[in-house]
Amino acid sequence: MDFKKATEELMAGMTRGEIAEALGVSEATVRQARLDETANAHRNPPGGWEAKVAKLARQRADRLTRLADRLGT
């Protein structure tokens, strides 16, 4: 693995669209739920979001652990 590929994988994030898909909602819902609670457009996050976001976090952690393993640490 070269430096560019390793750092691209390290910096790879998740799009709002990917989060929305995992939560089963629209991108607009994710965007609005992330707004400050005092904003007029703020909406509550979808029900059950905690478990779904935790799953996404674990998947990302696993991916980063695999990257570290491939780099020999």
N, C-alpha and C. Protein backbone atom coordinates (compact mmCIF):
# COMPACT_ATOMS: atom_id res chain seq x y z
N MET A 1 0.86 -1.17 0.00
CA MET A 1 0.00 0.00 0.00
C MET A 1 0.90 1.23 0.00
N ASP A 2 0.55 2.21 -0.83
CA ASP A 2 1.37 3.42 -0.87
C ASP A 2 0.75 4.52 0.01
N PHE A 3 1.51 5.59 0.20
CA PHE A 3 1.11 6.70 1.08
C PHE A 3 -0.22 7.31 0.65
N LYS A 4 -0.35 7.55 -0.67
CA LYS A 4 -1.58 8.20 -1.15
C LYS A 4 -2.80 7.35 -0.86
N LYS A 5 -2.72 6.05 -1.16
CA LYS A 5 -3.87 5.17 -0.92
C LYS A 5 -4.18 5.08 0.58
N ALA A 6 -3.14 4.96 1.39
CA ALA A 6 -3.34 4.85 2.84
C ALA A 6 -4.00 6.10 3.40
N THR A 7 -3.52 7.27 2.98
CA THR A 7 -4.09 8.50 3.53
C THR A 7 -5.48 8.79 2.96
N GLU A 8 -5.73 8.39 1.72
CA GLU A 8 -7.09 8.54 1.18
C GLU A 8 -8.08 7.70 1.97
N GLU A 9 -7.66 6.48 2.30
CA GLU A 9 -8.54 5.61 3.08
C GLU A 9 -8.75 6.16 4.49
N LEU A 10 -7.70 6.72 5.06
CA LEU A 10 -7.80 7.31 6.40
C LEU A 10 -8.75 8.50 6.40
N MET A 11 -8.70 9.33 5.36
CA MET A 11 -9.51 10.54 5.31
C MET A 11 -10.91 10.32 4.78
N ALA A 12 -11.17 9.15 4.24
CA ALA A 12 -12.49 8.89 3.66
C ALA A 12 -13.56 9.02 4.73
N GLY A 13 -14.52 9.85 4.45
CA GLY A 13 -15.61 10.06 5.39
C GLY A 13 -16.88 9.41 4.90
N MET A 14 -17.93 9.81 5.49
CA MET A 14 -19.24 9.30 5.12
C MET A 14 -20.08 10.49 4.68
N THR A 15 -20.79 10.33 3.60
CA THR A 15 -21.62 11.42 3.11
C THR A 15 -22.95 11.45 3.86
N ARG A 16 -23.59 12.59 3.79
CA ARG A 16 -24.92 12.72 4.38
C ARG A 16 -25.87 11.73 3.72
N GLY A 17 -25.69 11.48 2.44
CA GLY A 17 -26.53 10.52 1.72
C GLY A 17 -26.36 9.11 2.24
N GLU A 18 -25.13 8.72 2.55
CA GLU A 18 -24.89 7.39 3.09
C GLU A 18 -25.51 7.24 4.49
N ILE A 19 -25.41 8.29 5.28
CA ILE A 19 -26.02 8.26 6.61
C ILE A 19 -27.54 8.17 6.47
N ALA A 20 -28.09 8.97 5.58
CA ALA A 20 -29.54 8.95 5.36
C ALA A 20 -30.02 7.57 4.93
N GLU A 21 -29.28 6.96 4.04
CA GLU A 21 -29.66 5.62 3.57
C GLU A 21 -29.64 4.62 4.72
N ALA A 22 -28.60 4.69 5.55
CA ALA A 22 -28.51 3.76 6.69
C ALA A 22 -29.64 3.98 7.69
N LEU A 23 -30.08 5.22 7.81
CA LEU A 23 -31.17 5.55 8.74
C LEU A 23 -32.55 5.36 8.11
N GLY A 24 -32.59 5.19 6.79
CA GLY A 24 -33.87 5.03 6.10
C GLY A 24 -34.66 6.32 5.99
N VAL A 25 -33.94 7.44 5.88
CA VAL A 25 -34.58 8.75 5.77
C VAL A 25 -33.94 9.53 4.63
N SER A 26 -34.44 10.72 4.37
CA SER A 26 -33.89 11.55 3.32
C SER A 26 -32.66 12.32 3.82
N GLU A 27 -31.87 12.79 2.86
CA GLU A 27 -30.72 13.63 3.22
C GLU A 27 -31.20 14.90 3.93
N ALA A 28 -32.34 15.44 3.50
CA ALA A 28 -32.87 16.65 4.13
C ALA A 28 -33.18 16.40 5.61
N THR A 29 -33.68 15.22 5.92
CA THR A 29 -33.97 14.90 7.32
C THR A 29 -32.70 14.89 8.14
N VAL A 30 -31.64 14.31 7.60
CA VAL A 30 -30.36 14.29 8.31
C VAL A 30 -29.85 15.72 8.49
N ARG A 31 -29.91 16.51 7.42
CA ARG A 31 -29.43 17.89 7.49
C ARG A 31 -30.21 18.68 8.53
N GLN A 32 -31.53 18.55 8.52
CA GLN A 32 -32.36 19.31 9.46
C GLN A 32 -32.17 18.84 10.90
N ALA A 33 -31.96 17.55 11.10
CA ALA A 33 -31.75 17.04 12.46
C ALA A 33 -30.40 17.49 13.02
N ARG A 34 -29.47 17.83 12.14
CA ARG A 34 -28.15 18.30 12.58
C ARG A 34 -28.12 19.79 12.88
N LEU A 35 -29.16 20.51 12.50
CA LEU A 35 -29.21 21.95 12.76
C LEU A 35 -29.32 22.22 14.26
N ASP A 36 -28.92 23.41 14.63
CA ASP A 36 -29.10 23.84 16.01
C ASP A 36 -30.59 23.74 16.36
N GLU A 37 -30.86 23.32 17.57
CA GLU A 37 -32.26 23.12 17.97
C GLU A 37 -33.08 24.40 17.93
N THR A 38 -32.44 25.56 17.95
CA THR A 38 -33.17 26.82 17.90
C THR A 38 -33.50 27.25 16.47
N ALA A 39 -32.95 26.57 15.48
CA ALA A 39 -33.19 26.93 14.08
C ALA A 39 -34.63 26.56 13.69
N ASN A 40 -35.25 27.41 12.90
CA ASN A 40 -36.63 27.15 12.46
C ASN A 40 -36.76 25.84 11.70
N ALA A 41 -35.75 25.47 10.93
CA ALA A 41 -35.82 24.27 10.11
C ALA A 41 -35.41 23.00 10.86
N HIS A 42 -35.04 23.12 12.12
CA HIS A 42 -34.61 21.94 12.88
C HIS A 42 -35.73 20.92 12.99
N ARG A 43 -35.36 19.66 12.82
CA ARG A 43 -36.29 18.54 13.00
C ARG A 43 -35.64 17.55 13.96
N ASN A 44 -36.45 16.79 14.65
CA ASN A 44 -35.91 15.76 15.53
C ASN A 44 -35.27 14.66 14.70
N PRO A 45 -34.23 14.02 15.23
CA PRO A 45 -33.62 12.91 14.50
C PRO A 45 -34.59 11.74 14.43
N PRO A 46 -34.39 10.87 13.46
CA PRO A 46 -35.29 9.72 13.32
C PRO A 46 -35.18 8.79 14.51
N GLY A 47 -36.27 8.13 14.84
CA GLY A 47 -36.26 7.19 15.94
C GLY A 47 -35.29 6.05 15.69
N GLY A 48 -34.64 5.60 16.74
CA GLY A 48 -33.70 4.50 16.63
C GLY A 48 -32.37 4.86 16.01
N TRP A 49 -32.09 6.17 15.92
CA TRP A 49 -30.86 6.59 15.25
C TRP A 49 -29.62 6.13 15.99
N GLU A 50 -29.68 6.02 17.31
CA GLU A 50 -28.48 5.70 18.08
C GLU A 50 -27.87 4.37 17.66
N ALA A 51 -28.67 3.34 17.56
CA ALA A 51 -28.16 2.01 17.20
C ALA A 51 -27.60 1.99 15.78
N LYS A 52 -28.27 2.71 14.88
CA LYS A 52 -27.81 2.72 13.49
C LYS A 52 -26.51 3.49 13.34
N VAL A 53 -26.38 4.62 14.03
CA VAL A 53 -25.14 5.40 13.97
C VAL A 53 -24.02 4.63 14.66
N ALA A 54 -24.33 3.93 15.75
CA ALA A 54 -23.31 3.11 16.42
C ALA A 54 -22.80 2.03 15.47
N LYS A 55 -23.70 1.43 14.70
CA LYS A 55 -23.28 0.40 13.74
C LYS A 55 -22.35 1.00 12.69
N LEU A 56 -22.70 2.18 12.18
CA LEU A 56 -21.84 2.85 11.21
C LEU A 56 -20.47 3.16 11.81
N ALA A 57 -20.44 3.60 13.06
CA ALA A 57 -19.18 3.91 13.72
C ALA A 57 -18.32 2.65 13.87
N ARG A 58 -18.95 1.54 14.23
CA ARG A 58 -18.20 0.29 14.37
C ARG A 58 -17.65 -0.16 13.02
N GLN A 59 -18.42 0.00 11.97
CA GLN A 59 -17.94 -0.37 10.64
C GLN A 59 -16.73 0.48 10.25
N ARG A 60 -16.80 1.77 10.55
CA ARG A 60 -15.66 2.65 10.24
C ARG A 60 -14.45 2.27 11.07
N ALA A 61 -14.68 1.97 12.35
CA ALA A 61 -13.57 1.57 13.22
C ALA A 61 -12.92 0.29 12.70
N ASP A 62 -13.73 -0.65 12.27
CA ASP A 62 -13.19 -1.90 11.71
C ASP A 62 -12.36 -1.63 10.47
N ARG A 63 -12.86 -0.74 9.61
CA ARG A 63 -12.13 -0.41 8.39
C ARG A 63 -10.79 0.24 8.71
N LEU A 64 -10.78 1.13 9.69
CA LEU A 64 -9.53 1.80 10.07
C LEU A 64 -8.57 0.83 10.75
N THR A 65 -9.09 -0.12 11.51
CA THR A 65 -8.25 -1.14 12.13
C THR A 65 -7.59 -2.00 11.06
N ARG A 66 -8.35 -2.38 10.03
CA ARG A 66 -7.78 -3.15 8.94
C ARG A 66 -6.69 -2.36 8.22
N LEU A 67 -6.90 -1.06 8.05
CA LEU A 67 -5.88 -0.22 7.43
C LEU A 67 -4.61 -0.24 8.28
N ALA A 68 -4.74 -0.05 9.59
CA ALA A 68 -3.58 -0.07 10.48
C ALA A 68 -2.87 -1.42 10.39
N ASP A 69 -3.62 -2.51 10.34
CA ASP A 69 -3.04 -3.84 10.24
C ASP A 69 -2.24 -3.99 8.94
N ARG A 70 -2.79 -3.50 7.85
CA ARG A 70 -2.09 -3.60 6.56
C ARG A 70 -0.81 -2.78 6.55
N LEU A 71 -0.78 -1.71 7.36
CA LEU A 71 0.41 -0.88 7.42
C LEU A 71 1.45 -1.43 8.39
N GLY A 72 1.10 -2.50 9.08
CA GLY A 72 2.08 -3.18 9.92
C GLY A 72 2.20 -2.66 11.33
N THR A 73 1.17 -2.02 11.85
CA THR A 73 1.23 -1.54 13.23
C THR A 73 0.39 -2.41 14.13
